Amino acid sequence: MSESKKLVRTLIGKVVSDKRAKTVTVLVERRVKHELYGKIVSMSSKYHAHDEKGEYHLGDIIEITESRPISKTKNWVVTKLVQKAAAV
């Protein structure tokens, strides 16, 4: 195989903060079976993602992709908008 396939991690989550410049905080929720009791439990993680143009806002559902480290806590980049937040 001369062509190397690189595995790229992508996640879909909701923007919970857009207050910082060029950064959004994304909440990714997943449902897993509890190891001991077998109950389905909802678990979540927050990721800081790079948003160069500042086009994603609170409530948007976006896709993020893993990248090189951009800052101390930021190593994800926003790739696309999945669903725009509902206008309130």
Protein backbone atom coordinates (compact mmCIF):
# COMPACT_ATOMS: atom_id res chain seq x y z
CA MET A 1 0.00 0.00 0.00
CA SER A 2 1.65 3.19 -1.13
CA GLU A 3 -1.34 5.27 -0.13
CA SER A 4 -1.56 5.66 3.65
CA LYS A 5 -5.03 6.13 5.14
CA LYS A 6 -5.06 8.34 8.19
CA LEU A 7 -7.83 7.77 10.71
CA VAL A 8 -9.43 11.10 11.57
CA ARG A 9 -11.63 11.35 14.67
CA THR A 10 -14.80 13.38 14.17
CA LEU A 11 -17.46 14.16 16.76
CA ILE A 12 -20.84 15.89 16.65
CA GLY A 13 -21.90 18.12 19.52
CA LYS A 14 -23.67 21.25 20.68
CA VAL A 15 -21.98 24.63 21.16
CA VAL A 16 -22.34 25.59 24.84
CA SER A 17 -20.03 28.63 24.82
CA ASP A 18 -18.84 31.04 22.13
CA LYS A 19 -17.48 33.81 24.37
CA ARG A 20 -13.79 33.41 23.57
CA ALA A 21 -12.18 34.71 20.39
CA LYS A 22 -11.82 32.04 17.68
CA THR A 23 -12.89 29.28 20.08
CA VAL A 24 -16.13 27.44 20.81
CA THR A 25 -16.80 24.97 23.60
CA VAL A 26 -18.62 21.87 22.33
CA LEU A 27 -20.58 19.42 24.50
CA VAL A 28 -20.52 15.89 23.07
CA GLU A 29 -22.97 13.44 24.62
CA ARG A 30 -22.83 9.66 24.27
CA ARG A 31 -24.86 6.80 25.68
CA VAL A 32 -23.00 3.83 27.13
CA LYS A 33 -23.95 0.72 29.04
CA HIS A 34 -22.85 0.80 32.70
CA GLU A 35 -20.07 -1.70 33.27
CA LEU A 36 -21.50 -3.34 36.41
CA TYR A 37 -25.24 -2.66 36.39
CA GLY A 38 -25.98 -2.77 32.66
CA LYS A 39 -28.11 0.40 32.66
CA ILE A 40 -27.77 2.78 29.70
CA VAL A 41 -26.15 5.97 31.05
CA SER A 42 -25.71 9.31 29.29
CA MET A 43 -22.12 10.59 29.50
CA SER A 44 -20.75 13.85 28.17
CA SER A 45 -17.44 15.55 27.43
CA LYS A 46 -16.55 19.14 26.60
CA TYR A 47 -14.05 20.00 23.90
CA HIS A 48 -12.55 23.34 22.88
CA ALA A 49 -12.63 23.72 19.09
CA HIS A 50 -11.03 26.29 16.81
CA ASP A 51 -13.51 28.55 14.99
CA GLU A 52 -11.40 30.90 12.84
CA LYS A 53 -14.19 33.20 11.59
CA GLY A 54 -16.39 33.11 14.69
CA GLU A 55 -19.40 31.91 12.70
CA TYR A 56 -20.75 29.31 15.16
CA HIS A 57 -22.89 30.41 18.10
CA LEU A 58 -24.62 29.10 21.21
CA GLY A 59 -26.98 26.19 20.51
CA ASP A 60 -25.58 25.27 17.07
CA ILE A 61 -24.93 21.58 16.44
CA ILE A 62 -21.55 21.21 14.73
CA GLU A 63 -19.02 18.60 13.63
CA ILE A 64 -15.47 18.83 14.99
CA THR A 65 -12.33 17.05 13.79
CA GLU A 66 -9.16 16.30 15.72
CA SER A 67 -6.09 18.29 14.64
CA ARG A 68 -2.65 19.33 15.80
CA PRO A 69 -2.49 21.20 19.14
CA ILE A 70 -3.51 24.83 18.57
CA SER A 71 -3.22 25.95 22.21
CA LYS A 72 -2.95 24.40 25.67
CA THR A 73 -6.50 23.04 25.68
CA LYS A 74 -7.48 23.28 22.01
CA ASN A 75 -6.77 20.46 19.55
CA TRP A 76 -10.06 20.23 17.65
CA VAL A 77 -11.23 22.22 14.61
CA VAL A 78 -14.83 22.91 13.57
CA THR A 79 -15.44 21.33 10.15
CA LYS A 80 -19.10 21.97 9.43
CA LEU A 81 -22.46 23.13 10.72
CA VAL A 82 -24.92 20.27 11.15
CA GLN A 83 -27.89 22.26 12.46
CA LYS A 84 -28.36 25.96 13.19
CA ALA A 85 -29.72 26.93 16.62
CA ALA A 86 -33.43 27.71 16.73
CA ALA A 87 -34.13 31.47 16.85
CA VAL A 88 -35.72 32.37 20.17
